[in-house]
Amino acid sequence: MKAEEVRGKENSEIEFDLEQVEKQYFEMRFRSLTEGNTNPAKMGRLRKDLARMKTILRERELEVRGQQPR
């Protein structure tokens, strides 16, 4: 998921997607520990997607408060 795609969504949509990706990432991590056959590239993409969504939500939170994001 690209940053432009995330920025085009409402906060509630991002939060919903964030929850879904977190579940998917947890399941992949758990599966990698128990079975050992997961795709590390996909795990990396999910981790970056999580960070992207959290960053954009935080930027919007700071904008509402009137502060500048660092």
PDB file of N, CA and C in Angstrom:
ATOM      1  N   MET A   1       0.856  -1.165   0.000  1.00  0.00           N
ATOM      2  CA  MET A   1       0.000   0.000   0.000  1.00  0.00           C
ATOM      3  C   MET A   1       0.904   1.229   0.000  1.00  0.00           C
ATOM      4  N   LYS A   2       0.651   2.123  -0.910  1.00  0.00           N
ATOM      5  CA  LYS A   2       1.466   3.321  -1.021  1.00  0.00           C
ATOM      6  C   LYS A   2       0.916   4.419  -0.125  1.00  0.00           C
ATOM      7  N   ALA A   3       1.776   5.371   0.201  1.00  0.00           N
ATOM      8  CA  ALA A   3       1.397   6.467   1.086  1.00  0.00           C
ATOM      9  C   ALA A   3       0.248   7.279   0.481  1.00  0.00           C
ATOM     10  N   GLU A   4       0.244   7.451  -0.840  1.00  0.00           N
ATOM     11  CA  GLU A   4      -0.828   8.218  -1.481  1.00  0.00           C
ATOM     12  C   GLU A   4      -2.177   7.529  -1.288  1.00  0.00           C
ATOM     13  N   GLU A   5      -2.173   6.205  -1.333  1.00  0.00           N
ATOM     14  CA  GLU A   5      -3.410   5.453  -1.123  1.00  0.00           C
ATOM     15  C   GLU A   5      -3.917   5.650   0.305  1.00  0.00           C
ATOM     16  N   VAL A   6      -2.994   5.629   1.253  1.00  0.00           N
ATOM     17  CA  VAL A   6      -3.386   5.793   2.653  1.00  0.00           C
ATOM     18  C   VAL A   6      -3.884   7.208   2.893  1.00  0.00           C
ATOM     19  N   ARG A   7      -3.199   8.191   2.335  1.00  0.00           N
ATOM     20  CA  ARG A   7      -3.593   9.593   2.534  1.00  0.00           C
ATOM     21  C   ARG A   7      -4.968   9.888   1.942  1.00  0.00           C
ATOM     22  N   GLY A   8      -5.383   9.127   0.946  1.00  0.00           N
ATOM     23  CA  GLY A   8      -6.676   9.323   0.320  1.00  0.00           C
ATOM     24  C   GLY A   8      -7.845   8.752   1.114  1.00  0.00           C
ATOM     25  N   LYS A   9      -7.549   8.104   2.227  1.00  0.00           N
ATOM     26  CA  LYS A   9      -8.599   7.472   3.028  1.00  0.00           C
ATOM     27  C   LYS A   9      -8.920   8.315   4.258  1.00  0.00           C
ATOM     28  N   GLU A  10     -10.101   8.074   4.795  1.00  0.00           N
ATOM     29  CA  GLU A  10     -10.510   8.700   6.048  1.00  0.00           C
ATOM     30  C   GLU A  10      -9.806   7.989   7.207  1.00  0.00           C
ATOM     31  N   ASN A  11      -9.735   8.664   8.353  1.00  0.00           N
ATOM     32  CA  ASN A  11      -9.087   8.075   9.523  1.00  0.00           C
ATOM     33  C   ASN A  11      -9.713   6.751   9.929  1.00  0.00           C
ATOM     34  N   SER A  12     -11.033   6.674   9.874  1.00  0.00           N
ATOM     35  CA  SER A  12     -11.706   5.431  10.272  1.00  0.00           C
ATOM     36  C   SER A  12     -11.335   4.284   9.333  1.00  0.00           C
ATOM     37  N   GLU A  13     -11.192   4.573   8.052  1.00  0.00           N
ATOM     38  CA  GLU A  13     -10.791   3.541   7.096  1.00  0.00           C
ATOM     39  C   GLU A  13      -9.358   3.081   7.361  1.00  0.00           C
ATOM     40  N   ILE A  14      -8.491   4.031   7.667  1.00  0.00           N
ATOM     41  CA  ILE A  14      -7.094   3.694   7.962  1.00  0.00           C
ATOM     42  C   ILE A  14      -7.016   2.847   9.220  1.00  0.00           C
ATOM     43  N   GLU A  15      -7.783   3.219  10.238  1.00  0.00           N
ATOM     44  CA  GLU A  15      -7.767   2.457  11.484  1.00  0.00           C
ATOM     45  C   GLU A  15      -8.265   1.032  11.263  1.00  0.00           C
ATOM     46  N   PHE A  16      -9.294   0.874  10.425  1.00  0.00           N
ATOM     47  CA  PHE A  16      -9.797  -0.458  10.110  1.00  0.00           C
ATOM     48  C   PHE A  16      -8.728  -1.268   9.379  1.00  0.00           C
ATOM     49  N   ASP A  17      -8.099  -0.664   8.361  1.00  0.00           N
ATOM     50  CA  ASP A  17      -7.044  -1.346   7.619  1.00  0.00           C
ATOM     51  C   ASP A  17      -5.868  -1.682   8.529  1.00  0.00           C
ATOM     52  N   LEU A  18      -5.549  -0.767   9.427  1.00  0.00           N
ATOM     53  CA  LEU A  18      -4.447  -0.978  10.355  1.00  0.00           C
ATOM     54  C   LEU A  18      -4.707  -2.210  11.215  1.00  0.00           C
ATOM     55  N   GLU A  19      -5.915  -2.330  11.695  1.00  0.00           N
ATOM     56  CA  GLU A  19      -6.281  -3.488  12.515  1.00  0.00           C
ATOM     57  C   GLU A  19      -6.154  -4.782  11.717  1.00  0.00           C
ATOM     58  N   GLN A  20      -6.598  -4.765  10.468  1.00  0.00           N
ATOM     59  CA  GLN A  20      -6.536  -5.963   9.632  1.00  0.00           C
ATOM     60  C   GLN A  20      -5.085  -6.350   9.338  1.00  0.00           C
ATOM     61  N   VAL A  21      -4.245  -5.365   9.032  1.00  0.00           N
ATOM     62  CA  VAL A  21      -2.844  -5.651   8.719  1.00  0.00           C
ATOM     63  C   VAL A  21      -2.111  -6.135   9.969  1.00  0.00           C
ATOM     64  N   GLU A  22      -2.434  -5.563  11.130  1.00  0.00           N
ATOM     65  CA  GLU A  22      -1.817  -6.023  12.372  1.00  0.00           C
ATOM     66  C   GLU A  22      -2.156  -7.490  12.639  1.00  0.00           C
ATOM     67  N   LYS A  23      -3.403  -7.874  12.406  1.00  0.00           N
ATOM     68  CA  LYS A  23      -3.807  -9.269  12.587  1.00  0.00           C
ATOM     69  C   LYS A  23      -3.050 -10.174  11.617  1.00  0.00           C
ATOM     70  N   GLN A  24      -2.979  -9.741  10.372  1.00  0.00           N
ATOM     71  CA  GLN A  24      -2.296 -10.533   9.354  1.00  0.00           C
ATOM     72  C   GLN A  24      -0.810 -10.677   9.694  1.00  0.00           C
ATOM     73  N   TYR A  25      -0.188  -9.595  10.143  1.00  0.00           N
ATOM     74  CA  TYR A  25       1.230  -9.632  10.500  1.00  0.00           C
ATOM     75  C   TYR A  25       1.458 -10.556  11.703  1.00  0.00           C
ATOM     76  N   PHE A  26       0.577 -10.471  12.698  1.00  0.00           N
ATOM     77  CA  PHE A  26       0.693 -11.337  13.864  1.00  0.00           C
ATOM     78  C   PHE A  26       0.597 -12.800  13.455  1.00  0.00           C
ATOM     79  N   GLU A  27      -0.375 -13.111  12.593  1.00  0.00           N
ATOM     80  CA  GLU A  27      -0.558 -14.492  12.147  1.00  0.00           C
ATOM     81  C   GLU A  27       0.672 -14.994  11.396  1.00  0.00           C
ATOM     82  N   MET A  28       1.260 -14.129  10.570  1.00  0.00           N
ATOM     83  CA  MET A  28       2.455 -14.530   9.829  1.00  0.00           C
ATOM     84  C   MET A  28       3.632 -14.750  10.765  1.00  0.00           C
ATOM     85  N   ARG A  29       3.783 -13.882  11.765  1.00  0.00           N
ATOM     86  CA  ARG A  29       4.868 -14.042  12.732  1.00  0.00           C
ATOM     87  C   ARG A  29       4.702 -15.345  13.508  1.00  0.00           C
ATOM     88  N   PHE A  30       3.475 -15.590  13.940  1.00  0.00           N
ATOM     89  CA  PHE A  30       3.182 -16.810  14.687  1.00  0.00           C
ATOM     90  C   PHE A  30       3.460 -18.041  13.827  1.00  0.00           C
ATOM     91  N   ARG A  31       3.002 -18.001  12.583  1.00  0.00           N
ATOM     92  CA  ARG A  31       3.204 -19.115  11.663  1.00  0.00           C
ATOM     93  C   ARG A  31       4.690 -19.347  11.392  1.00  0.00           C
ATOM     94  N   SER A  32       5.457 -18.253  11.295  1.00  0.00           N
ATOM     95  CA  SER A  32       6.887 -18.409  11.027  1.00  0.00           C
ATOM     96  C   SER A  32       7.592 -19.084  12.198  1.00  0.00           C
ATOM     97  N   LEU A  33       7.105 -18.836  13.422  1.00  0.00           N
ATOM     98  CA  LEU A  33       7.713 -19.473  14.583  1.00  0.00           C
ATOM     99  C   LEU A  33       7.324 -20.940  14.701  1.00  0.00           C
ATOM    100  N   THR A  34       6.105 -21.277  14.326  1.00  0.00           N
ATOM    101  CA  THR A  34       5.646 -22.650  14.495  1.00  0.00           C
ATOM    102  C   THR A  34       5.975 -23.522  13.289  1.00  0.00           C
ATOM    103  N   GLU A  35       5.773 -22.989  12.095  1.00  0.00           N
ATOM    104  CA  GLU A  35       5.981 -23.790  10.890  1.00  0.00           C
ATOM    105  C   GLU A  35       7.307 -23.470  10.208  1.00  0.00           C
ATOM    106  N   GLY A  36       7.717 -22.216  10.283  1.00  0.00           N
ATOM    107  CA  GLY A  36       8.996 -21.830   9.713  1.00  0.00           C
ATOM    108  C   GLY A  36       9.006 -21.594   8.219  1.00  0.00           C
ATOM    109  N   ASN A  37       7.878 -21.583   7.567  1.00  0.00           N
ATOM    110  CA  ASN A  37       7.875 -21.406   6.113  1.00  0.00           C
ATOM    111  C   ASN A  37       7.019 -20.215   5.704  1.00  0.00           C
ATOM    112  N   THR A  38       7.463 -19.025   6.059  1.00  0.00           N
ATOM    113  CA  THR A  38       6.734 -17.830   5.642  1.00  0.00           C
ATOM    114  C   THR A  38       7.598 -17.029   4.680  1.00  0.00           C
ATOM    115  N   ASN A  39       6.982 -16.109   4.015  1.00  0.00           N
ATOM    116  CA  ASN A  39       7.674 -15.263   3.054  1.00  0.00           C
ATOM    117  C   ASN A  39       8.213 -14.028   3.782  1.00  0.00           C
ATOM    118  N   PRO A  40       9.514 -13.922   3.970  1.00  0.00           N
ATOM    119  CA  PRO A  40      10.064 -12.782   4.704  1.00  0.00           C
ATOM    120  C   PRO A  40       9.831 -11.451   3.984  1.00  0.00           C
ATOM    121  N   ALA A  41       9.762 -11.469   2.677  1.00  0.00           N
ATOM    122  CA  ALA A  41       9.516 -10.233   1.937  1.00  0.00           C
ATOM    123  C   ALA A  41       8.111  -9.710   2.229  1.00  0.00           C
ATOM    124  N   LYS A  42       7.143 -10.594   2.317  1.00  0.00           N
ATOM    125  CA  LYS A  42       5.772 -10.179   2.615  1.00  0.00           C
ATOM    126  C   LYS A  42       5.682  -9.623   4.038  1.00  0.00           C
ATOM    127  N   MET A  43       6.406 -10.245   4.965  1.00  0.00           N
ATOM    128  CA  MET A  43       6.416  -9.740   6.338  1.00  0.00           C
ATOM    129  C   MET A  43       6.998  -8.331   6.381  1.00  0.00           C
ATOM    130  N   GLY A  44       8.026  -8.090   5.606  1.00  0.00           N
ATOM    131  CA  GLY A  44       8.620  -6.754   5.533  1.00  0.00           C
ATOM    132  C   GLY A  44       7.656  -5.727   4.971  1.00  0.00           C
ATOM    133  N   ARG A  45       6.926  -6.128   3.923  1.00  0.00           N
ATOM    134  CA  ARG A  45       5.937  -5.212   3.331  1.00  0.00           C
ATOM    135  C   ARG A  45       4.844  -4.875   4.332  1.00  0.00           C
ATOM    136  N   LEU A  46       4.383  -5.885   5.071  1.00  0.00           N
ATOM    137  CA  LEU A  46       3.341  -5.646   6.070  1.00  0.00           C
ATOM    138  C   LEU A  46       3.842  -4.712   7.166  1.00  0.00           C
ATOM    139  N   ARG A  47       5.070  -4.928   7.606  1.00  0.00           N
ATOM    140  CA  ARG A  47       5.639  -4.088   8.654  1.00  0.00           C
ATOM    141  C   ARG A  47       5.745  -2.637   8.183  1.00  0.00           C
ATOM    142  N   LYS A  48       6.144  -2.445   6.927  1.00  0.00           N
ATOM    143  CA  LYS A  48       6.249  -1.092   6.381  1.00  0.00           C
ATOM    144  C   LYS A  48       4.868  -0.464   6.201  1.00  0.00           C
ATOM    145  N   ASP A  49       3.892  -1.260   5.803  1.00  0.00           N
ATOM    146  CA  ASP A  49       2.520  -0.753   5.686  1.00  0.00           C
ATOM    147  C   ASP A  49       1.993  -0.294   7.043  1.00  0.00           C
ATOM    148  N   LEU A  50       2.278  -1.086   8.080  1.00  0.00           N
ATOM    149  CA  LEU A  50       1.866  -0.699   9.434  1.00  0.00           C
ATOM    150  C   LEU A  50       2.485   0.645   9.813  1.00  0.00           C
ATOM    151  N   ALA A  51       3.760   0.779   9.574  1.00  0.00           N
ATOM    152  CA  ALA A  51       4.452   2.019   9.921  1.00  0.00           C
ATOM    153  C   ALA A  51       3.890   3.196   9.131  1.00  0.00           C
ATOM    154  N   ARG A  52       3.601   2.978   7.853  1.00  0.00           N
ATOM    155  CA  ARG A  52       3.050   4.040   7.011  1.00  0.00           C
ATOM    156  C   ARG A  52       1.706   4.530   7.538  1.00  0.00           C
ATOM    157  N   MET A  53       0.834   3.580   7.868  1.00  0.00           N
ATOM    158  CA  MET A  53      -0.498   3.948   8.349  1.00  0.00           C
ATOM    159  C   MET A  53      -0.412   4.666   9.696  1.00  0.00           C
ATOM    160  N   LYS A  54       0.423   4.163  10.587  1.00  0.00           N
ATOM    161  CA  LYS A  54       0.564   4.804  11.895  1.00  0.00           C
ATOM    162  C   LYS A  54       1.153   6.204  11.765  1.00  0.00           C
ATOM    163  N   THR A  55       2.106   6.376  10.863  1.00  0.00           N
ATOM    164  CA  THR A  55       2.720   7.680  10.657  1.00  0.00           C
ATOM    165  C   THR A  55       1.705   8.687  10.141  1.00  0.00           C
ATOM    166  N   ILE A  56       0.905   8.299   9.183  1.00  0.00           N
ATOM    167  CA  ILE A  56      -0.085   9.214   8.609  1.00  0.00           C
ATOM    168  C   ILE A  56      -1.149   9.564   9.642  1.00  0.00           C
ATOM    169  N   LEU A  57      -1.583   8.599  10.432  1.00  0.00           N
ATOM    170  CA  LEU A  57      -2.544   8.904  11.499  1.00  0.00           C
ATOM    171  C   LEU A  57      -1.937   9.888  12.500  1.00  0.00           C
ATOM    172  N   ARG A  58      -0.677   9.704  12.837  1.00  0.00           N
ATOM    173  CA  ARG A  58      -0.010  10.606  13.778  1.00  0.00           C
ATOM    174  C   ARG A  58       0.140  12.003  13.181  1.00  0.00           C
ATOM    175  N   GLU A  59       0.479  12.107  11.908  1.00  0.00           N
ATOM    176  CA  GLU A  59       0.571  13.410  11.250  1.00  0.00           C
ATOM    177  C   GLU A  59      -0.760  14.142  11.322  1.00  0.00           C
ATOM    178  N   ARG A  60      -1.828  13.416  11.051  1.00  0.00           N
ATOM    179  CA  ARG A  60      -3.156  14.040  11.087  1.00  0.00           C
ATOM    180  C   ARG A  60      -3.516  14.474  12.505  1.00  0.00           C
ATOM    181  N   GLU A  61      -3.143  13.675  13.496  1.00  0.00           N
ATOM    182  CA  GLU A  61      -3.400  14.028  14.888  1.00  0.00           C
ATOM    183  C   GLU A  61      -2.671  15.320  15.251  1.00  0.00           C
ATOM    184  N   LEU A  62      -1.437  15.451  14.806  1.00  0.00           N
ATOM    185  CA  LEU A  62      -0.668  16.660  15.099  1.00  0.00           C
ATOM    186  C   LEU A  62      -1.228  17.879  14.371  1.00  0.00           C
ATOM    187  N   GLU A  63      -1.724  17.676  13.164  1.00  0.00           N
ATOM    188  CA  GLU A  63      -2.338  18.778  12.407  1.00  0.00           C
ATOM    189  C   GLU A  63      -3.565  19.318  13.144  1.00  0.00           C
ATOM    190  N   VAL A  64      -4.357  18.414  13.702  1.00  0.00           N
ATOM    191  CA  VAL A  64      -5.556  18.809  14.431  1.00  0.00           C
ATOM    192  C   VAL A  64      -5.166  19.641  15.650  1.00  0.00           C
ATOM    193  N   ARG A  65      -4.098  19.240  16.311  1.00  0.00           N
ATOM    194  CA  ARG A  65      -3.627  19.961  17.496  1.00  0.00           C
ATOM    195  C   ARG A  65      -2.949  21.281  17.147  1.00  0.00           C
ATOM    196  N   GLY A  66      -2.599  21.446  15.891  1.00  0.00           N
ATOM    197  CA  GLY A  66      -1.926  22.673  15.483  1.00  0.00           C
ATOM    198  C   GLY A  66      -0.420  22.620  15.635  1.00  0.00           C
ATOM    199  N   GLN A  67       0.124  21.438  15.798  1.00  0.00           N
ATOM    200  CA  GLN A  67       1.562  21.267  15.923  1.00  0.00           C
ATOM    201  C   GLN A  67       2.137  20.804  14.601  1.00  0.00           C
ATOM    202  N   GLN A  68       3.417  21.031  14.429  1.00  0.00           N
ATOM    203  CA  GLN A  68       4.105  20.594  13.223  1.00  0.00           C
ATOM    204  C   GLN A  68       4.656  19.192  13.439  1.00  0.00           C
ATOM    205  N   PRO A  69       4.443  18.287  12.461  1.00  0.00           N
ATOM    206  CA  PRO A  69       5.079  16.971  12.571  1.00  0.00           C
ATOM    207  C   PRO A  69       6.583  17.115  12.425  1.00  0.00           C
ATOM    208  N   ARG A  70       7.322  16.283  13.137  1.00  0.00           N
ATOM    209  CA  ARG A  70       8.798  16.359  13.086  1.00  0.00           C
ATOM    210  C   ARG A  70       9.328  15.608  11.923  1.00  0.00           C
TER     211      ARG A  70
END
